[in-house]
Amino acid sequence: MIITASRARRSRRAIAAVLVVSSAWMLSACSNEPEQTLDLTGAAAEGQLIAKEMGCQGCHSIDGSNSTGPTWKDLYGAQVTLQGGDKVTVDDDYLVRSIREPNAQRREDARSAMGAYDEKRLSDDDVAKIIEFIKALS
């Protein structure tokens, strides 16, 4: 098959259009929530910084507003329904598993799948601090 210059340009334009549209869609999936000032100390304050650095608040609101992922406001201690109908209480174990293996206990109302954060991406200590931050929001 012979590819002409005109055909190559059309192909490049089509690929560029797909990239632009898919990038816009991906960016719109996670909001850029305005930064909120919270009076946190210790591990909760460190957890907030880690969550910010990792981009967690792009998909998880901290004020109860809707976002791609579940809000972290009043999450700790809440009862959630999983896909399949089981109900669980959000505690440390549930949150660790949700961060490490997000598809293991997906919520019934899950809109999208979060990527897994293994020990290479997020240390156990960092996960514990993020959980302290989530607790402080409840």
N, C-alpha and C. Protein backbone atom coordinates (compact mmCIF):
# COMPACT_ATOMS: atom_id res chain seq x y z
N MET A 1 0.83 -1.16 0.00
CA MET A 1 0.00 0.00 0.00
C MET A 1 0.89 1.24 0.00
N ILE A 2 0.56 2.18 -0.86
CA ILE A 2 1.33 3.42 -0.96
C ILE A 2 0.62 4.48 -0.13
N ILE A 3 1.39 5.13 0.72
CA ILE A 3 0.83 6.19 1.56
C ILE A 3 1.26 7.52 0.98
N THR A 4 0.28 8.31 0.60
CA THR A 4 0.58 9.62 0.03
C THR A 4 0.76 10.63 1.16
N ALA A 5 1.34 11.77 0.82
CA ALA A 5 1.55 12.83 1.82
C ALA A 5 0.22 13.32 2.37
N SER A 6 -0.78 13.41 1.50
CA SER A 6 -2.10 13.86 1.93
C SER A 6 -2.72 12.87 2.92
N ARG A 7 -2.59 11.60 2.63
CA ARG A 7 -3.14 10.57 3.53
C ARG A 7 -2.39 10.57 4.87
N ALA A 8 -1.09 10.74 4.84
CA ALA A 8 -0.30 10.78 6.06
C ALA A 8 -0.71 11.97 6.94
N ARG A 9 -0.95 13.14 6.30
CA ARG A 9 -1.40 14.32 7.06
C ARG A 9 -2.76 14.07 7.72
N ARG A 10 -3.67 13.46 6.97
CA ARG A 10 -5.00 13.15 7.53
C ARG A 10 -4.87 12.20 8.71
N SER A 11 -3.99 11.22 8.59
CA SER A 11 -3.79 10.26 9.68
C SER A 11 -3.23 10.96 10.91
N ARG A 12 -2.24 11.82 10.71
CA ARG A 12 -1.66 12.56 11.84
C ARG A 12 -2.70 13.46 12.50
N ARG A 13 -3.52 14.12 11.69
CA ARG A 13 -4.58 14.97 12.24
C ARG A 13 -5.59 14.15 13.04
N ALA A 14 -5.95 13.00 12.52
CA ALA A 14 -6.91 12.15 13.23
C ALA A 14 -6.34 11.68 14.56
N ILE A 15 -5.08 11.29 14.55
CA ILE A 15 -4.43 10.85 15.79
C ILE A 15 -4.35 12.01 16.78
N ALA A 16 -3.99 13.19 16.29
CA ALA A 16 -3.91 14.37 17.17
C ALA A 16 -5.28 14.69 17.76
N ALA A 17 -6.33 14.60 16.95
CA ALA A 17 -7.68 14.87 17.45
C ALA A 17 -8.07 13.88 18.54
N VAL A 18 -7.76 12.62 18.33
CA VAL A 18 -8.07 11.60 19.34
C VAL A 18 -7.31 11.89 20.63
N LEU A 19 -6.04 12.26 20.51
CA LEU A 19 -5.24 12.57 21.70
C LEU A 19 -5.79 13.78 22.45
N VAL A 20 -6.19 14.81 21.74
CA VAL A 20 -6.73 16.01 22.38
C VAL A 20 -8.03 15.69 23.10
N VAL A 21 -8.93 14.98 22.43
CA VAL A 21 -10.22 14.64 23.04
C VAL A 21 -10.03 13.73 24.24
N SER A 22 -9.19 12.71 24.11
CA SER A 22 -9.00 11.79 25.24
C SER A 22 -8.30 12.48 26.40
N SER A 23 -7.37 13.37 26.13
CA SER A 23 -6.70 14.12 27.21
C SER A 23 -7.69 15.02 27.93
N ALA A 24 -8.54 15.70 27.17
CA ALA A 24 -9.54 16.57 27.78
C ALA A 24 -10.50 15.77 28.65
N TRP A 25 -10.90 14.60 28.16
CA TRP A 25 -11.81 13.74 28.93
C TRP A 25 -11.15 13.29 30.23
N MET A 26 -9.88 12.87 30.15
CA MET A 26 -9.19 12.39 31.34
C MET A 26 -9.02 13.52 32.35
N LEU A 27 -8.70 14.71 31.90
CA LEU A 27 -8.54 15.83 32.82
C LEU A 27 -9.86 16.25 33.45
N SER A 28 -10.95 16.13 32.70
CA SER A 28 -12.25 16.50 33.27
C SER A 28 -12.75 15.47 34.26
N ALA A 29 -12.24 14.24 34.21
CA ALA A 29 -12.68 13.18 35.11
C ALA A 29 -12.32 13.49 36.55
N CYS A 30 -11.23 14.17 36.76
CA CYS A 30 -10.80 14.52 38.12
C CYS A 30 -10.78 16.04 38.23
N SER A 31 -11.52 16.56 39.18
CA SER A 31 -11.61 18.01 39.33
C SER A 31 -10.37 18.55 40.01
N ASN A 32 -10.15 19.83 39.80
CA ASN A 32 -9.10 20.53 40.54
C ASN A 32 -9.79 21.30 41.64
N GLU A 33 -10.05 20.63 42.71
CA GLU A 33 -10.77 21.21 43.84
C GLU A 33 -9.92 22.32 44.44
N PRO A 34 -10.55 23.47 44.76
CA PRO A 34 -9.78 24.53 45.40
C PRO A 34 -9.21 24.04 46.73
N GLU A 35 -8.02 24.49 47.00
CA GLU A 35 -7.36 24.06 48.24
C GLU A 35 -8.10 24.61 49.45
N GLN A 36 -8.31 23.75 50.43
CA GLN A 36 -9.01 24.15 51.64
C GLN A 36 -8.02 24.18 52.79
N THR A 37 -8.20 25.15 53.66
CA THR A 37 -7.34 25.26 54.83
C THR A 37 -7.98 24.50 55.98
N LEU A 38 -7.26 23.54 56.50
CA LEU A 38 -7.73 22.75 57.64
C LEU A 38 -6.71 22.90 58.75
N ASP A 39 -7.19 22.93 59.97
CA ASP A 39 -6.31 23.07 61.13
C ASP A 39 -5.92 21.67 61.61
N LEU A 40 -4.97 21.06 60.94
CA LEU A 40 -4.55 19.70 61.26
C LEU A 40 -3.14 19.70 61.84
N THR A 41 -2.85 18.70 62.65
CA THR A 41 -1.51 18.55 63.21
C THR A 41 -1.09 17.10 63.08
N GLY A 42 0.18 16.84 63.32
CA GLY A 42 0.70 15.48 63.38
C GLY A 42 0.50 14.68 62.10
N ALA A 43 0.16 13.41 62.29
CA ALA A 43 0.03 12.48 61.16
C ALA A 43 -1.06 12.92 60.19
N ALA A 44 -2.15 13.52 60.69
CA ALA A 44 -3.23 13.97 59.80
C ALA A 44 -2.74 15.07 58.87
N ALA A 45 -1.95 16.01 59.40
CA ALA A 45 -1.40 17.08 58.58
C ALA A 45 -0.42 16.51 57.55
N GLU A 46 0.39 15.56 57.98
CA GLU A 46 1.32 14.92 57.04
C GLU A 46 0.54 14.15 55.97
N GLY A 47 -0.53 13.49 56.38
CA GLY A 47 -1.37 12.76 55.43
C GLY A 47 -1.99 13.68 54.39
N GLN A 48 -2.40 14.87 54.82
CA GLN A 48 -2.95 15.84 53.87
C GLN A 48 -1.90 16.22 52.83
N LEU A 49 -0.67 16.46 53.28
CA LEU A 49 0.41 16.81 52.34
C LEU A 49 0.70 15.68 51.37
N ILE A 50 0.74 14.46 51.88
CA ILE A 50 1.00 13.30 51.02
C ILE A 50 -0.12 13.15 50.00
N ALA A 51 -1.37 13.29 50.46
CA ALA A 51 -2.52 13.17 49.55
C ALA A 51 -2.45 14.23 48.46
N LYS A 52 -2.02 15.43 48.83
CA LYS A 52 -1.88 16.50 47.84
C LYS A 52 -0.78 16.16 46.84
N GLU A 53 0.37 15.72 47.35
CA GLU A 53 1.50 15.37 46.48
C GLU A 53 1.14 14.23 45.52
N MET A 54 0.36 13.27 46.00
CA MET A 54 -0.02 12.11 45.19
C MET A 54 -1.20 12.40 44.26
N GLY A 55 -1.82 13.56 44.43
CA GLY A 55 -2.94 13.93 43.57
C GLY A 55 -4.27 13.31 43.97
N CYS A 56 -4.36 12.80 45.19
CA CYS A 56 -5.59 12.12 45.64
C CYS A 56 -6.81 13.03 45.57
N GLN A 57 -6.62 14.30 45.94
CA GLN A 57 -7.75 15.21 46.00
C GLN A 57 -8.22 15.65 44.63
N GLY A 58 -7.55 15.21 43.58
CA GLY A 58 -8.06 15.44 42.24
C GLY A 58 -9.31 14.62 41.98
N CYS A 59 -9.43 13.49 42.66
CA CYS A 59 -10.59 12.59 42.47
C CYS A 59 -11.41 12.40 43.74
N HIS A 60 -10.86 12.72 44.91
CA HIS A 60 -11.56 12.54 46.18
C HIS A 60 -11.73 13.91 46.84
N SER A 61 -12.97 14.38 46.93
CA SER A 61 -13.20 15.67 47.59
C SER A 61 -13.04 15.51 49.10
N ILE A 62 -12.81 16.62 49.76
CA ILE A 62 -12.71 16.59 51.23
C ILE A 62 -13.82 17.41 51.87
N ASP A 63 -14.74 17.90 51.04
CA ASP A 63 -15.83 18.74 51.55
C ASP A 63 -17.21 18.13 51.33
N GLY A 64 -17.26 16.89 50.88
CA GLY A 64 -18.55 16.24 50.65
C GLY A 64 -19.09 16.40 49.25
N SER A 65 -18.43 17.20 48.43
CA SER A 65 -18.92 17.39 47.06
C SER A 65 -18.64 16.16 46.21
N ASN A 66 -19.43 16.01 45.15
CA ASN A 66 -19.27 14.87 44.24
C ASN A 66 -18.00 15.03 43.42
N SER A 67 -17.35 13.92 43.18
CA SER A 67 -16.15 13.89 42.37
C SER A 67 -16.06 12.51 41.73
N THR A 68 -14.97 12.23 41.09
CA THR A 68 -14.79 10.93 40.44
C THR A 68 -14.78 9.80 41.46
N GLY A 69 -14.05 9.99 42.53
CA GLY A 69 -14.00 8.99 43.60
C GLY A 69 -14.87 9.44 44.76
N PRO A 70 -15.04 8.58 45.76
CA PRO A 70 -15.87 8.97 46.90
C PRO A 70 -15.23 10.10 47.69
N THR A 71 -16.09 10.95 48.25
CA THR A 71 -15.59 12.02 49.11
C THR A 71 -14.96 11.42 50.35
N TRP A 72 -13.98 12.10 50.89
CA TRP A 72 -13.35 11.64 52.13
C TRP A 72 -14.03 12.25 53.35
N LYS A 73 -14.89 13.25 53.14
CA LYS A 73 -15.59 13.88 54.27
C LYS A 73 -16.57 12.87 54.87
N ASP A 74 -16.47 12.68 56.17
CA ASP A 74 -17.33 11.76 56.91
C ASP A 74 -17.26 10.32 56.41
N LEU A 75 -16.17 9.95 55.76
CA LEU A 75 -16.03 8.59 55.24
C LEU A 75 -15.67 7.59 56.33
N TYR A 76 -14.72 7.96 57.20
CA TYR A 76 -14.25 7.01 58.21
C TYR A 76 -15.38 6.69 59.19
N GLY A 77 -15.63 5.42 59.37
CA GLY A 77 -16.70 4.96 60.26
C GLY A 77 -18.04 4.80 59.57
N ALA A 78 -18.14 5.28 58.34
CA ALA A 78 -19.40 5.14 57.59
C ALA A 78 -19.57 3.70 57.12
N GLN A 79 -20.81 3.34 56.88
CA GLN A 79 -21.08 2.02 56.32
C GLN A 79 -21.33 2.21 54.83
N VAL A 80 -20.62 1.41 54.02
CA VAL A 80 -20.77 1.49 52.56
C VAL A 80 -21.21 0.13 52.02
N THR A 81 -21.92 0.18 50.91
CA THR A 81 -22.38 -1.03 50.24
C THR A 81 -21.42 -1.34 49.10
N LEU A 82 -20.95 -2.57 49.08
CA LEU A 82 -20.02 -3.01 48.04
C LEU A 82 -20.79 -3.59 46.87
N GLN A 83 -20.12 -3.67 45.72
CA GLN A 83 -20.73 -4.36 44.59
C GLN A 83 -20.98 -5.79 45.03
N GLY A 84 -22.16 -6.28 44.82
CA GLY A 84 -22.53 -7.60 45.30
C GLY A 84 -23.45 -7.51 46.50
N GLY A 85 -23.56 -6.30 47.10
CA GLY A 85 -24.51 -6.09 48.16
C GLY A 85 -24.00 -6.15 49.58
N ASP A 86 -22.77 -6.66 49.81
CA ASP A 86 -22.24 -6.70 51.17
C ASP A 86 -22.05 -5.28 51.70
N LYS A 87 -22.24 -5.12 53.00
CA LYS A 87 -22.02 -3.82 53.65
C LYS A 87 -20.81 -3.94 54.56
N VAL A 88 -19.96 -2.91 54.53
CA VAL A 88 -18.79 -2.88 55.40
C VAL A 88 -18.67 -1.50 56.03
N THR A 89 -18.02 -1.47 57.18
CA THR A 89 -17.73 -0.20 57.84
C THR A 89 -16.34 0.24 57.41
N VAL A 90 -16.23 1.50 57.04
CA VAL A 90 -14.95 2.04 56.61
C VAL A 90 -14.06 2.22 57.84
N ASP A 91 -13.03 1.38 57.92
CA ASP A 91 -12.05 1.44 59.01
C ASP A 91 -10.66 1.39 58.39
N ASP A 92 -9.64 1.30 59.23
CA ASP A 92 -8.26 1.28 58.73
C ASP A 92 -8.05 0.14 57.73
N ASP A 93 -8.50 -1.06 58.06
CA ASP A 93 -8.30 -2.21 57.18
C ASP A 93 -8.96 -2.01 55.82
N TYR A 94 -10.18 -1.50 55.83
CA TYR A 94 -10.89 -1.26 54.57
C TYR A 94 -10.14 -0.23 53.73
N LEU A 95 -9.67 0.85 54.36
CA LEU A 95 -8.97 1.89 53.61
C LEU A 95 -7.64 1.41 53.06
N VAL A 96 -6.89 0.65 53.87
CA VAL A 96 -5.62 0.11 53.37
C VAL A 96 -5.88 -0.76 52.14
N ARG A 97 -6.86 -1.63 52.24
CA ARG A 97 -7.16 -2.52 51.11
C ARG A 97 -7.66 -1.72 49.91
N SER A 98 -8.43 -0.68 50.15
CA SER A 98 -8.94 0.15 49.05
C SER A 98 -7.81 0.87 48.32
N ILE A 99 -6.77 1.23 49.05
CA ILE A 99 -5.61 1.90 48.45
C ILE A 99 -4.72 0.89 47.74
N ARG A 100 -4.45 -0.22 48.39
CA ARG A 100 -3.54 -1.24 47.84
C ARG A 100 -4.19 -2.09 46.74
N GLU A 101 -5.47 -2.44 46.93
CA GLU A 101 -6.19 -3.30 45.99
C GLU A 101 -7.58 -2.71 45.74
N PRO A 102 -7.66 -1.61 45.00
CA PRO A 102 -8.93 -0.90 44.88
C PRO A 102 -10.08 -1.71 44.29
N ASN A 103 -9.79 -2.73 43.52
CA ASN A 103 -10.87 -3.52 42.93
C ASN A 103 -11.32 -4.67 43.83
N ALA A 104 -10.66 -4.89 44.95
CA ALA A 104 -11.00 -6.01 45.83
C ALA A 104 -12.33 -5.78 46.55
N GLN A 105 -12.62 -4.54 46.90
CA GLN A 105 -13.86 -4.21 47.62
C GLN A 105 -14.45 -2.95 47.01
N ARG A 106 -14.89 -3.05 45.78
CA ARG A 106 -15.44 -1.87 45.09
C ARG A 106 -16.80 -1.51 45.63
N ARG A 107 -16.99 -0.24 45.84
CA ARG A 107 -18.28 0.26 46.30
C ARG A 107 -19.33 0.11 45.21
N GLU A 108 -20.56 -0.06 45.65
CA GLU A 108 -21.67 -0.20 44.73
C GLU A 108 -21.81 1.02 43.83
N ASP A 109 -21.51 2.20 44.38
CA ASP A 109 -21.66 3.45 43.63
C ASP A 109 -20.37 3.90 42.95
N ALA A 110 -19.39 3.00 42.83
CA ALA A 110 -18.11 3.37 42.21
C ALA A 110 -18.33 3.79 40.76
N ARG A 111 -17.76 4.93 40.41
CA ARG A 111 -17.88 5.44 39.05
C ARG A 111 -16.74 4.99 38.15
N SER A 112 -15.59 4.82 38.74
CA SER A 112 -14.43 4.41 37.96
C SER A 112 -13.47 3.66 38.87
N ALA A 113 -12.51 3.01 38.26
CA ALA A 113 -11.54 2.24 39.03
C ALA A 113 -10.30 3.09 39.30
N MET A 114 -9.84 3.05 40.53
CA MET A 114 -8.61 3.73 40.91
C MET A 114 -7.45 2.77 40.68
N GLY A 115 -6.32 3.30 40.32
CA GLY A 115 -5.13 2.48 40.20
C GLY A 115 -4.64 2.04 41.58
N ALA A 116 -3.99 0.90 41.63
CA ALA A 116 -3.47 0.38 42.90
C ALA A 116 -2.21 1.14 43.30
N TYR A 117 -2.05 1.36 44.59
CA TYR A 117 -0.87 2.01 45.14
C TYR A 117 -0.13 1.00 46.00
N ASP A 118 0.81 0.29 45.37
CA ASP A 118 1.59 -0.70 46.11
C ASP A 118 2.68 0.01 46.92
N GLU A 119 3.48 -0.79 47.63
CA GLU A 119 4.50 -0.22 48.51
C GLU A 119 5.56 0.57 47.76
N LYS A 120 5.72 0.31 46.47
CA LYS A 120 6.69 1.08 45.68
C LYS A 120 6.18 2.48 45.41
N ARG A 121 4.87 2.64 45.30
CA ARG A 121 4.28 3.95 45.02
C ARG A 121 3.95 4.73 46.28
N LEU A 122 3.61 3.99 47.35
CA LEU A 122 3.18 4.63 48.59
C LEU A 122 3.54 3.72 49.75
N SER A 123 4.40 4.19 50.64
CA SER A 123 4.84 3.36 51.77
C SER A 123 3.69 3.09 52.74
N ASP A 124 3.85 2.06 53.57
CA ASP A 124 2.85 1.76 54.60
C ASP A 124 2.67 2.95 55.54
N ASP A 125 3.77 3.63 55.86
CA ASP A 125 3.72 4.80 56.73
C ASP A 125 2.91 5.93 56.08
N ASP A 126 3.12 6.14 54.78
CA ASP A 126 2.37 7.17 54.07
C ASP A 126 0.88 6.83 54.01
N VAL A 127 0.56 5.56 53.79
CA VAL A 127 -0.85 5.12 53.77
C VAL A 127 -1.48 5.40 55.13
N ALA A 128 -0.76 5.07 56.21
CA ALA A 128 -1.28 5.30 57.56
C ALA A 128 -1.54 6.79 57.80
N LYS A 129 -0.68 7.65 57.29
CA LYS A 129 -0.86 9.09 57.46
C LYS A 129 -2.05 9.60 56.65
N ILE A 130 -2.23 9.08 55.45
CA ILE A 130 -3.41 9.46 54.65
C ILE A 130 -4.68 9.03 55.38
N ILE A 131 -4.66 7.85 55.98
CA ILE A 131 -5.82 7.38 56.74
C ILE A 131 -6.09 8.30 57.93
N GLU A 132 -5.04 8.79 58.59
CA GLU A 132 -5.24 9.74 59.69
C GLU A 132 -5.88 11.03 59.17
N PHE A 133 -5.49 11.45 57.99
CA PHE A 133 -6.11 12.62 57.36
C PHE A 133 -7.60 12.35 57.11
N ILE A 134 -7.92 11.18 56.56
CA ILE A 134 -9.32 10.83 56.30
C ILE A 134 -10.11 10.80 57.61
N LYS A 135 -9.51 10.25 58.66
CA LYS A 135 -10.18 10.23 59.98
C LYS A 135 -10.47 11.65 60.46
N ALA A 136 -9.54 12.56 60.24
CA ALA A 136 -9.71 13.94 60.69
C ALA A 136 -10.87 14.64 59.96
N LEU A 137 -11.22 14.13 58.80
CA LEU A 137 -12.32 14.71 58.02
C LEU A 137 -13.68 14.15 58.43
N SER A 138 -13.67 13.18 59.33
CA SER A 138 -14.92 12.53 59.74
C SER A 138 -15.41 13.02 61.08
